[in-house]
C-alpha atoms as a PDB file:
ATOM      1  CA  MET A   1       7.515 -35.554 -21.244  1.00  0.00           C
ATOM      2  CA  THR A   2       6.581 -36.941 -17.837  1.00  0.00           C
ATOM      3  CA  PHE A   3       2.857 -37.004 -17.106  1.00  0.00           C
ATOM      4  CA  ALA A   4       2.934 -38.508 -13.564  1.00  0.00           C
ATOM      5  CA  LYS A   5       4.776 -37.196 -10.539  1.00  0.00           C
ATOM      6  CA  VAL A   6       7.816 -39.442  -9.641  1.00  0.00           C
ATOM      7  CA  GLU A   7       8.612 -39.248  -5.928  1.00  0.00           C
ATOM      8  CA  LYS A   8      11.606 -40.631  -3.984  1.00  0.00           C
ATOM      9  CA  LEU A   9      10.149 -43.107  -1.568  1.00  0.00           C
ATOM     10  CA  PRO A  10      10.562 -42.726   2.080  1.00  0.00           C
ATOM     11  CA  VAL A  11      12.075 -45.487   4.031  1.00  0.00           C
ATOM     12  CA  ASN A  12       9.284 -46.263   6.332  1.00  0.00           C
ATOM     13  CA  TYR A  13       6.654 -48.680   7.555  1.00  0.00           C
ATOM     14  CA  LYS A  14       3.968 -47.212   5.089  1.00  0.00           C
ATOM     15  CA  THR A  15       6.120 -47.681   2.119  1.00  0.00           C
ATOM     16  CA  ALA A  16       6.860 -51.169   3.313  1.00  0.00           C
ATOM     17  CA  GLU A  17       3.177 -51.974   3.192  1.00  0.00           C
ATOM     18  CA  ASP A  18       2.971 -50.566  -0.304  1.00  0.00           C
ATOM     19  CA  PHE A  19       5.694 -52.873  -1.378  1.00  0.00           C
ATOM     20  CA  GLU A  20       3.829 -55.760   0.182  1.00  0.00           C
ATOM     21  CA  ARG A  21       0.897 -54.939  -2.212  1.00  0.00           C
ATOM     22  CA  PHE A  22       3.409 -55.281  -5.074  1.00  0.00           C
ATOM     23  CA  ALA A  23       4.637 -58.498  -3.755  1.00  0.00           C
ATOM     24  CA  ALA A  24       0.939 -59.839  -3.628  1.00  0.00           C
ATOM     25  CA  GLN A  25      -0.204 -58.431  -6.938  1.00  0.00           C
ATOM     26  CA  GLY A  26       3.039 -58.170  -9.097  1.00  0.00           C
ATOM     27  CA  ASN A  27       5.640 -60.325 -10.570  1.00  0.00           C
ATOM     28  CA  ALA A  28       7.386 -62.329  -7.957  1.00  0.00           C
ATOM     29  CA  GLU A  29      10.905 -61.936  -9.802  1.00  0.00           C
ATOM     30  CA  LEU A  30      10.670 -58.133  -9.489  1.00  0.00           C
ATOM     31  CA  SER A  31       9.823 -58.102  -5.649  1.00  0.00           C
ATOM     32  CA  MET A  32      11.952 -55.574  -3.761  1.00  0.00           C
ATOM     33  CA  LEU A  33      10.409 -56.252  -0.442  1.00  0.00           C
ATOM     34  CA  ASP A  34      13.498 -57.911   1.034  1.00  0.00           C
ATOM     35  CA  GLU A  35      15.766 -55.186  -0.256  1.00  0.00           C
ATOM     36  CA  PHE A  36      13.361 -52.433   1.231  1.00  0.00           C
ATOM     37  CA  ARG A  37      13.048 -54.085   4.598  1.00  0.00           C
ATOM     38  CA  LEU A  38      16.977 -54.160   4.741  1.00  0.00           C
ATOM     39  CA  SER A  39      17.038 -50.290   3.982  1.00  0.00           C
ATOM     40  CA  LEU A  40      14.241 -49.940   6.659  1.00  0.00           C
ATOM     41  CA  ILE A  41      16.242 -51.707   9.384  1.00  0.00           C
ATOM     42  CA  GLU A  42      19.564 -50.009   8.320  1.00  0.00           C
ATOM     43  CA  SER A  43      17.694 -46.479   8.350  1.00  0.00           C
ATOM     44  CA  ASP A  44      19.415 -45.672   5.049  1.00  0.00           C
ATOM     45  CA  ASP A  45      18.230 -42.073   4.361  1.00  0.00           C
ATOM     46  CA  ASP A  46      19.587 -42.278   0.769  1.00  0.00           C
ATOM     47  CA  THR A  47      17.034 -44.516  -0.664  1.00  0.00           C
ATOM     48  CA  LEU A  48      17.227 -45.703  -4.111  1.00  0.00           C
ATOM     49  CA  PHE A  49      13.593 -46.458  -4.503  1.00  0.00           C
ATOM     50  CA  TYR A  50      11.274 -44.241  -6.618  1.00  0.00           C
ATOM     51  CA  GLY A  51       7.564 -44.410  -7.369  1.00  0.00           C
ATOM     52  CA  ILE A  52       4.347 -42.805  -8.532  1.00  0.00           C
ATOM     53  CA  TYR A  53       1.225 -42.630  -6.508  1.00  0.00           C
ATOM     54  CA  MET A  54      -2.258 -42.822  -7.938  1.00  0.00           C
ATOM     55  CA  ASP A  55      -5.326 -42.288  -5.796  1.00  0.00           C
ATOM     56  CA  LYS A  56      -3.039 -42.354  -2.713  1.00  0.00           C
ATOM     57  CA  GLU A  57      -1.690 -45.930  -3.636  1.00  0.00           C
ATOM     58  CA  LEU A  58       1.637 -46.691  -4.843  1.00  0.00           C
ATOM     59  CA  ALA A  59       0.989 -47.594  -8.397  1.00  0.00           C
ATOM     60  CA  ALA A  60       4.351 -47.968  -9.874  1.00  0.00           C
ATOM     61  CA  ARG A  61       8.001 -48.161  -8.592  1.00  0.00           C
ATOM     62  CA  MET A  62      11.636 -48.894  -9.521  1.00  0.00           C
ATOM     63  CA  ALA A  63      15.065 -49.008  -7.915  1.00  0.00           C
ATOM     64  CA  LEU A  64      17.944 -46.961  -9.083  1.00  0.00           C
ATOM     65  CA  THR A  65      21.582 -47.554  -8.674  1.00  0.00           C
ATOM     66  CA  PHE A  66      24.055 -44.688  -9.372  1.00  0.00           C
ATOM     67  CA  VAL A  67      27.219 -46.167 -10.742  1.00  0.00           C
ATOM     68  CA  ASN A  68      30.225 -43.737 -10.452  1.00  0.00           C
ATOM     69  CA  GLU A  69      32.752 -45.939 -12.277  1.00  0.00           C
ATOM     70  CA  GLN A  70      31.869 -48.346 -15.043  1.00  0.00           C
ATOM     71  CA  ARG A  71      32.111 -51.931 -13.848  1.00  0.00           C
ATOM     72  CA  ASP A  72      32.062 -53.608 -17.280  1.00  0.00           C
ATOM     73  CA  ASN A  73      32.286 -52.452 -20.836  1.00  0.00           C
ATOM     74  CA  THR A  74      28.634 -51.291 -21.320  1.00  0.00           C
ATOM     75  CA  PHE A  75      29.493 -47.847 -22.380  1.00  0.00           C
ATOM     76  CA  TYR A  76      32.406 -46.613 -24.362  1.00  0.00           C
ATOM     77  CA  PRO A  77      34.260 -44.627 -23.440  1.00  0.00           C
ATOM     78  CA  PRO A  78      33.811 -45.843 -19.908  1.00  0.00           C
ATOM     79  CA  LYS A  79      31.720 -43.487 -17.703  1.00  0.00           C
ATOM     80  CA  GLY A  80      29.384 -43.560 -14.818  1.00  0.00           C
ATOM     81  CA  TYR A  81      25.615 -44.428 -15.365  1.00  0.00           C
ATOM     82  CA  VAL A  82      22.282 -45.047 -13.786  1.00  0.00           C
ATOM     83  CA  GLU A  83      20.985 -48.628 -13.548  1.00  0.00           C
ATOM     84  CA  ILE A  84      17.181 -49.078 -13.439  1.00  0.00           C
ATOM     85  CA  SER A  85      16.047 -52.490 -11.926  1.00  0.00           C
ATOM     86  CA  LYS A  86      12.726 -53.980 -11.031  1.00  0.00           C
ATOM     87  CA  LEU A  87      10.571 -51.353 -12.609  1.00  0.00           C
ATOM     88  CA  GLU A  88       6.997 -52.496 -12.133  1.00  0.00           C
ATOM     89  CA  VAL A  89       3.531 -51.079 -12.550  1.00  0.00           C
ATOM     90  CA  LEU A  90       0.467 -52.848 -10.756  1.00  0.00           C
ATOM     91  CA  PRO A  91      -1.788 -54.402 -13.120  1.00  0.00           C
ATOM     92  CA  ALA A  92      -4.667 -52.038 -12.341  1.00  0.00           C
ATOM     93  CA  TYR A  93      -2.603 -49.044 -13.421  1.00  0.00           C
ATOM     94  CA  GLN A  94      -0.964 -50.442 -16.486  1.00  0.00           C
ATOM     95  CA  GLY A  95      -1.535 -48.496 -19.751  1.00  0.00           C
ATOM     96  CA  ASN A  96      -1.470 -45.253 -18.061  1.00  0.00           C
ATOM     97  CA  ARG A  97       2.337 -44.250 -18.950  1.00  0.00           C
ATOM     98  CA  LEU A  98       3.456 -44.805 -15.510  1.00  0.00           C
ATOM     99  CA  GLY A  99       6.404 -46.984 -16.464  1.00  0.00           C
ATOM    100  CA  SER A 100       7.268 -44.526 -19.321  1.00  0.00           C
ATOM    101  CA  SER A 101       7.067 -41.659 -16.663  1.00  0.00           C
ATOM    102  CA  LEU A 102       9.431 -43.423 -14.326  1.00  0.00           C
ATOM    103  CA  VAL A 103      12.026 -44.105 -17.176  1.00  0.00           C
ATOM    104  CA  GLU A 104      11.681 -40.465 -18.447  1.00  0.00           C
ATOM    105  CA  PHE A 105      12.354 -39.256 -15.000  1.00  0.00           C
ATOM    106  CA  VAL A 106      15.728 -41.068 -15.042  1.00  0.00           C
ATOM    107  CA  GLN A 107      16.540 -39.950 -18.509  1.00  0.00           C
ATOM    108  CA  SER A 108      16.052 -36.308 -17.222  1.00  0.00           C
ATOM    109  CA  PHE A 109      19.352 -36.704 -15.253  1.00  0.00           C
ATOM    110  CA  ALA A 110      21.129 -36.646 -18.631  1.00  0.00           C
ATOM    111  CA  LYS A 111      23.394 -39.593 -17.563  1.00  0.00           C
ATOM    112  CA  PRO A 112      23.698 -42.865 -19.514  1.00  0.00           C
ATOM    113  CA  VAL A 113      21.217 -45.405 -18.483  1.00  0.00           C
ATOM    114  CA  ARG A 114      21.330 -49.278 -18.379  1.00  0.00           C
ATOM    115  CA  THR A 115      18.766 -51.899 -17.521  1.00  0.00           C
ATOM    116  CA  LYS A 116      18.091 -55.502 -18.029  1.00  0.00           C
ATOM    117  CA  ALA A 117      14.937 -56.174 -20.225  1.00  0.00           C
ATOM    118  CA  ARG A 118      12.542 -58.454 -18.647  1.00  0.00           C
ATOM    119  CA  VAL A 119      10.861 -61.051 -20.815  1.00  0.00           C
ATOM    120  CA  ASN A 120       8.639 -59.443 -23.497  1.00  0.00           C
ATOM    121  CA  SER A 121       9.711 -55.843 -22.318  1.00  0.00           C
ATOM    122  CA  GLU A 122      12.245 -54.903 -25.143  1.00  0.00           C
ATOM    123  CA  ALA A 123       9.513 -53.131 -27.275  1.00  0.00           C
ATOM    124  CA  PHE A 124       8.799 -50.854 -24.102  1.00  0.00           C
ATOM    125  CA  TRP A 125      12.442 -50.071 -23.775  1.00  0.00           C
ATOM    126  CA  THR A 126      12.785 -49.458 -27.472  1.00  0.00           C
ATOM    127  CA  ARG A 127      10.005 -46.927 -27.558  1.00  0.00           C
ATOM    128  CA  LEU A 128      11.849 -45.016 -24.915  1.00  0.00           C
ATOM    129  CA  ASN A 129      14.994 -44.923 -27.224  1.00  0.00           C
ATOM    130  CA  PHE A 130      17.019 -47.652 -25.527  1.00  0.00           C
ATOM    131  CA  LYS A 131      19.249 -49.915 -27.748  1.00  0.00           C
ATOM    132  CA  ASP A 132      19.770 -53.528 -27.313  1.00  0.00           C
ATOM    133  CA  SER A 133      23.758 -53.752 -26.353  1.00  0.00           C
ATOM    134  CA  SER A 134      23.754 -57.310 -27.617  1.00  0.00           C
ATOM    135  CA  LYS A 135      24.728 -58.588 -24.125  1.00  0.00           C
ATOM    136  CA  LYS A 136      22.933 -61.010 -21.847  1.00  0.00           C
ATOM    137  CA  GLU A 137      22.987 -61.042 -18.148  1.00  0.00           C
ATOM    138  CA  ASP A 138      20.959 -63.489 -16.103  1.00  0.00           C
ATOM    139  CA  ASN A 139      19.597 -64.540 -19.561  1.00  0.00           C
ATOM    140  CA  LEU A 140      18.134 -61.163 -19.985  1.00  0.00           C
ATOM    141  CA  SER A 141      18.950 -58.556 -22.829  1.00  0.00           C
ATOM    142  CA  VAL A 142      21.046 -55.542 -21.497  1.00  0.00           C
ATOM    143  CA  MET A 143      19.317 -52.382 -22.890  1.00  0.00           C
ATOM    144  CA  THR A 144      21.162 -49.003 -22.829  1.00  0.00           C
ATOM    145  CA  TRP A 145      20.158 -45.201 -23.466  1.00  0.00           C
ATOM    146  CA  GLN A 146      22.624 -42.324 -23.891  1.00  0.00           C
ATOM    147  CA  PRO A 147      21.661 -38.705 -23.595  1.00  0.00           C
ATOM    148  CA  SER A 148      22.025 -36.771 -26.773  1.00  0.00           C
ATOM    149  CA  LYS A 149      25.134 -34.668 -26.793  1.00  0.00           C
END
């Protein structure tokens, strides 16, 4: 059950400022600032960025990629899926289920989900019913979730 409202983030300068706060306070390897600025320049209305605001501040965010055709052998039989990348919650908001709310939002699409578990995050993904696929990409564990039939 989702406890926080997940929003599709608008591609505008206000959201770019929010992403700058993540770049300053968050994990450098999870920064999406460059990707977001590129979307801003290209005026891409179909943004793949989602987030949760708390007290009018972007507190948690992620990027989603909707894959129509499976590019690898992650799922059998091959099928489309959603890939979660760069999920991050600002330190001041951690422990409030915001990360779980973002993942549960994606699970509500009832499509298979794939992600790369960052260092020490496997337990988080396991709590949300993700399975370790026994694959590694970029030296990270690939975790998957499938909707119940």
